[in-house]
């Protein structure tokens, strides 16, 4: 997306089901750092990664809900 990205941190948290195996929900937090990052382009990159490129997320999504949060830190 031609953004000047200087760092990316991804934190994943989940709630394990009390009975059986699997998860009640998964939450992914993306923290992007860079100079003059476009929120629209960052959100598009996350959407593409979650919906098109991440096969693990696709498999997990069939069994549970996956949510995400995006934080952009401007390092100008």
N, C-alpha and C. Protein backbone atom coordinates (compact mmCIF):
# COMPACT_ATOMS: atom_id res chain seq x y z
N UNK A 1 0.82 -1.20 0.00
CA UNK A 1 0.00 0.00 0.00
C UNK A 1 0.86 1.27 0.00
N UNK A 2 2.16 1.09 -0.07
CA UNK A 2 3.11 2.19 -0.17
C UNK A 2 2.99 3.19 0.98
N UNK A 3 2.94 2.65 2.18
CA UNK A 3 2.89 3.46 3.39
C UNK A 3 4.25 3.41 4.06
N UNK A 4 4.65 4.49 4.74
CA UNK A 4 5.93 4.52 5.43
C UNK A 4 5.75 3.95 6.83
N UNK A 5 5.72 2.63 6.89
CA UNK A 5 5.50 1.90 8.13
C UNK A 5 6.84 1.69 8.84
N UNK A 6 6.89 2.06 10.12
CA UNK A 6 8.13 1.87 10.89
C UNK A 6 8.00 0.75 11.91
N UNK A 7 6.77 0.30 12.17
CA UNK A 7 6.59 -0.79 13.11
C UNK A 7 5.17 -1.30 13.12
N UNK A 8 5.03 -2.55 13.50
CA UNK A 8 3.72 -3.18 13.61
C UNK A 8 3.76 -4.16 14.77
N UNK A 9 2.79 -4.02 15.67
CA UNK A 9 2.63 -4.97 16.77
C UNK A 9 1.24 -5.58 16.66
N UNK A 10 1.18 -6.90 16.75
CA UNK A 10 -0.11 -7.59 16.71
C UNK A 10 -0.25 -8.38 18.01
N UNK A 11 -1.35 -8.12 18.73
CA UNK A 11 -1.62 -8.81 19.98
C UNK A 11 -2.95 -9.57 19.83
N UNK A 12 -2.93 -10.84 20.16
CA UNK A 12 -4.13 -11.67 20.03
C UNK A 12 -4.53 -12.17 21.41
N UNK A 13 -5.79 -11.96 21.77
CA UNK A 13 -6.33 -12.49 23.02
C UNK A 13 -7.55 -13.35 22.69
N UNK A 14 -7.84 -14.29 23.58
CA UNK A 14 -8.98 -15.17 23.32
C UNK A 14 -9.64 -15.58 24.62
N UNK A 15 -10.87 -16.04 24.47
CA UNK A 15 -11.61 -16.61 25.59
C UNK A 15 -11.81 -18.08 25.27
N UNK A 16 -11.19 -18.92 26.08
CA UNK A 16 -11.31 -20.37 25.90
C UNK A 16 -12.68 -20.84 26.36
N UNK A 17 -13.27 -21.74 25.63
CA UNK A 17 -14.56 -22.30 26.03
C UNK A 17 -14.40 -23.03 27.35
N UNK A 18 -15.41 -22.90 28.20
CA UNK A 18 -15.37 -23.58 29.50
C UNK A 18 -15.51 -25.09 29.34
N UNK A 19 -16.28 -25.50 28.36
CA UNK A 19 -16.49 -26.92 28.12
C UNK A 19 -16.03 -27.26 26.70
N UNK A 20 -15.38 -28.38 26.55
CA UNK A 20 -14.95 -28.80 25.23
C UNK A 20 -13.72 -28.02 24.78
N UNK A 21 -13.47 -28.09 23.49
CA UNK A 21 -12.31 -27.39 22.94
C UNK A 21 -12.77 -26.20 22.11
N UNK A 22 -11.85 -25.33 21.80
CA UNK A 22 -12.16 -24.17 20.98
C UNK A 22 -12.21 -22.89 21.80
N UNK A 23 -12.71 -21.85 21.16
CA UNK A 23 -12.72 -20.52 21.76
C UNK A 23 -14.10 -19.89 21.64
N UNK A 24 -14.45 -19.08 22.63
CA UNK A 24 -15.70 -18.32 22.58
C UNK A 24 -15.53 -17.05 21.76
N UNK A 25 -14.30 -16.60 21.59
CA UNK A 25 -14.03 -15.40 20.81
C UNK A 25 -12.55 -15.12 20.76
N UNK A 26 -12.13 -14.48 19.68
CA UNK A 26 -10.73 -14.09 19.50
C UNK A 26 -10.72 -12.61 19.13
N UNK A 27 -9.81 -11.85 19.76
CA UNK A 27 -9.69 -10.42 19.47
C UNK A 27 -8.24 -10.13 19.05
N UNK A 28 -8.09 -9.45 17.91
CA UNK A 28 -6.78 -9.13 17.37
C UNK A 28 -6.61 -7.61 17.43
N UNK A 29 -5.53 -7.17 18.07
CA UNK A 29 -5.21 -5.74 18.15
C UNK A 29 -4.00 -5.46 17.27
N UNK A 30 -4.17 -4.56 16.30
CA UNK A 30 -3.09 -4.15 15.41
C UNK A 30 -2.64 -2.76 15.82
N UNK A 31 -1.35 -2.58 16.05
CA UNK A 31 -0.80 -1.26 16.34
C UNK A 31 0.22 -0.94 15.25
N UNK A 32 -0.15 0.00 14.39
CA UNK A 32 0.71 0.43 13.29
C UNK A 32 1.44 1.70 13.70
N UNK A 33 2.74 1.76 13.40
CA UNK A 33 3.53 2.96 13.64
C UNK A 33 4.14 3.39 12.31
N UNK A 34 4.13 4.71 12.07
CA UNK A 34 4.71 5.19 10.83
C UNK A 34 4.49 6.68 10.65
N UNK A 35 4.82 7.13 9.46
CA UNK A 35 4.72 8.56 9.14
C UNK A 35 3.57 8.79 8.18
N UNK A 36 2.62 9.59 8.61
CA UNK A 36 1.46 9.99 7.78
C UNK A 36 0.74 8.78 7.19
N UNK A 37 0.47 7.79 8.02
CA UNK A 37 -0.23 6.59 7.55
C UNK A 37 -1.68 6.91 7.23
N UNK A 38 -2.17 6.38 6.16
CA UNK A 38 -3.56 6.56 5.76
C UNK A 38 -4.42 5.51 6.48
N UNK A 39 -5.39 5.96 7.27
CA UNK A 39 -6.27 5.01 7.98
C UNK A 39 -6.98 4.12 6.97
N UNK A 40 -7.42 4.67 5.87
CA UNK A 40 -8.13 3.89 4.85
C UNK A 40 -7.25 2.77 4.30
N UNK A 41 -5.99 3.06 4.01
CA UNK A 41 -5.08 2.04 3.48
C UNK A 41 -4.72 1.00 4.54
N UNK A 42 -4.54 1.43 5.78
CA UNK A 42 -4.25 0.49 6.86
C UNK A 42 -5.44 -0.45 7.06
N UNK A 43 -6.64 0.09 7.09
CA UNK A 43 -7.83 -0.75 7.26
C UNK A 43 -7.99 -1.72 6.09
N UNK A 44 -7.69 -1.26 4.90
CA UNK A 44 -7.78 -2.14 3.71
C UNK A 44 -6.76 -3.29 3.82
N UNK A 45 -5.56 -2.98 4.28
CA UNK A 45 -4.53 -4.01 4.44
C UNK A 45 -4.97 -5.06 5.47
N UNK A 46 -5.56 -4.61 6.57
CA UNK A 46 -6.04 -5.54 7.60
C UNK A 46 -7.17 -6.40 7.04
N UNK A 47 -8.10 -5.79 6.35
CA UNK A 47 -9.21 -6.53 5.75
C UNK A 47 -8.71 -7.60 4.79
N UNK A 48 -7.77 -7.23 3.91
CA UNK A 48 -7.22 -8.20 2.97
C UNK A 48 -6.51 -9.34 3.69
N UNK A 49 -5.75 -9.00 4.73
CA UNK A 49 -5.02 -10.05 5.44
C UNK A 49 -5.98 -11.00 6.15
N UNK A 50 -7.05 -10.46 6.73
CA UNK A 50 -7.99 -11.31 7.46
C UNK A 50 -8.90 -12.12 6.54
N UNK A 51 -9.34 -11.52 5.45
CA UNK A 51 -10.35 -12.16 4.61
C UNK A 51 -9.77 -12.95 3.43
N UNK A 52 -8.57 -12.59 2.97
CA UNK A 52 -8.04 -13.22 1.77
C UNK A 52 -6.78 -14.05 2.01
N UNK A 53 -5.84 -13.53 2.78
CA UNK A 53 -4.53 -14.15 2.87
C UNK A 53 -4.30 -15.06 4.08
N UNK A 54 -5.06 -14.88 5.16
CA UNK A 54 -4.80 -15.66 6.37
C UNK A 54 -5.69 -16.90 6.42
N UNK A 55 -5.13 -18.04 6.06
CA UNK A 55 -5.91 -19.27 6.05
C UNK A 55 -6.23 -19.76 7.46
N UNK A 56 -5.35 -19.46 8.42
CA UNK A 56 -5.61 -19.84 9.81
C UNK A 56 -6.84 -19.10 10.33
N UNK A 57 -6.89 -17.79 10.07
CA UNK A 57 -8.05 -17.00 10.49
C UNK A 57 -9.33 -17.51 9.84
N UNK A 58 -9.23 -17.89 8.57
CA UNK A 58 -10.40 -18.43 7.88
C UNK A 58 -10.91 -19.70 8.52
N UNK A 59 -10.00 -20.56 8.93
CA UNK A 59 -10.40 -21.81 9.59
C UNK A 59 -11.00 -21.53 10.97
N UNK A 60 -10.38 -20.63 11.72
CA UNK A 60 -10.89 -20.30 13.06
C UNK A 60 -12.25 -19.59 12.99
N UNK A 61 -12.42 -18.76 11.97
CA UNK A 61 -13.66 -18.00 11.83
C UNK A 61 -14.88 -18.91 11.66
N UNK A 62 -14.66 -20.11 11.17
CA UNK A 62 -15.77 -21.05 11.02
C UNK A 62 -16.30 -21.53 12.36
N UNK A 63 -15.44 -21.47 13.40
CA UNK A 63 -15.82 -22.00 14.71
C UNK A 63 -16.06 -20.94 15.77
N UNK A 64 -15.63 -19.69 15.53
CA UNK A 64 -15.75 -18.66 16.55
C UNK A 64 -15.80 -17.28 15.91
N UNK A 65 -16.05 -16.28 16.73
CA UNK A 65 -16.07 -14.90 16.27
C UNK A 65 -14.69 -14.29 16.44
N UNK A 66 -14.22 -13.60 15.40
CA UNK A 66 -12.94 -12.90 15.46
C UNK A 66 -13.21 -11.41 15.27
N UNK A 67 -12.76 -10.61 16.23
CA UNK A 67 -12.91 -9.16 16.13
C UNK A 67 -11.51 -8.53 16.07
N UNK A 68 -11.46 -7.27 15.66
CA UNK A 68 -10.16 -6.60 15.65
C UNK A 68 -10.29 -5.12 15.99
N UNK A 69 -9.16 -4.56 16.35
CA UNK A 69 -9.05 -3.14 16.67
C UNK A 69 -7.76 -2.64 16.02
N UNK A 70 -7.81 -1.45 15.44
CA UNK A 70 -6.65 -0.87 14.77
C UNK A 70 -6.27 0.43 15.48
N UNK A 71 -5.00 0.54 15.85
CA UNK A 71 -4.45 1.77 16.42
C UNK A 71 -3.32 2.23 15.50
N UNK A 72 -3.34 3.52 15.18
CA UNK A 72 -2.28 4.09 14.34
C UNK A 72 -1.53 5.13 15.17
N UNK A 73 -0.22 4.96 15.27
CA UNK A 73 0.63 5.91 16.00
C UNK A 73 1.46 6.65 14.96
N UNK A 74 1.26 7.96 14.88
CA UNK A 74 1.97 8.79 13.92
C UNK A 74 3.33 9.17 14.48
N UNK A 75 4.39 8.86 13.75
CA UNK A 75 5.76 9.15 14.21
C UNK A 75 6.39 10.26 13.38
N UNK A 76 5.66 11.31 13.12
CA UNK A 76 6.20 12.44 12.35
C UNK A 76 7.19 13.22 13.15
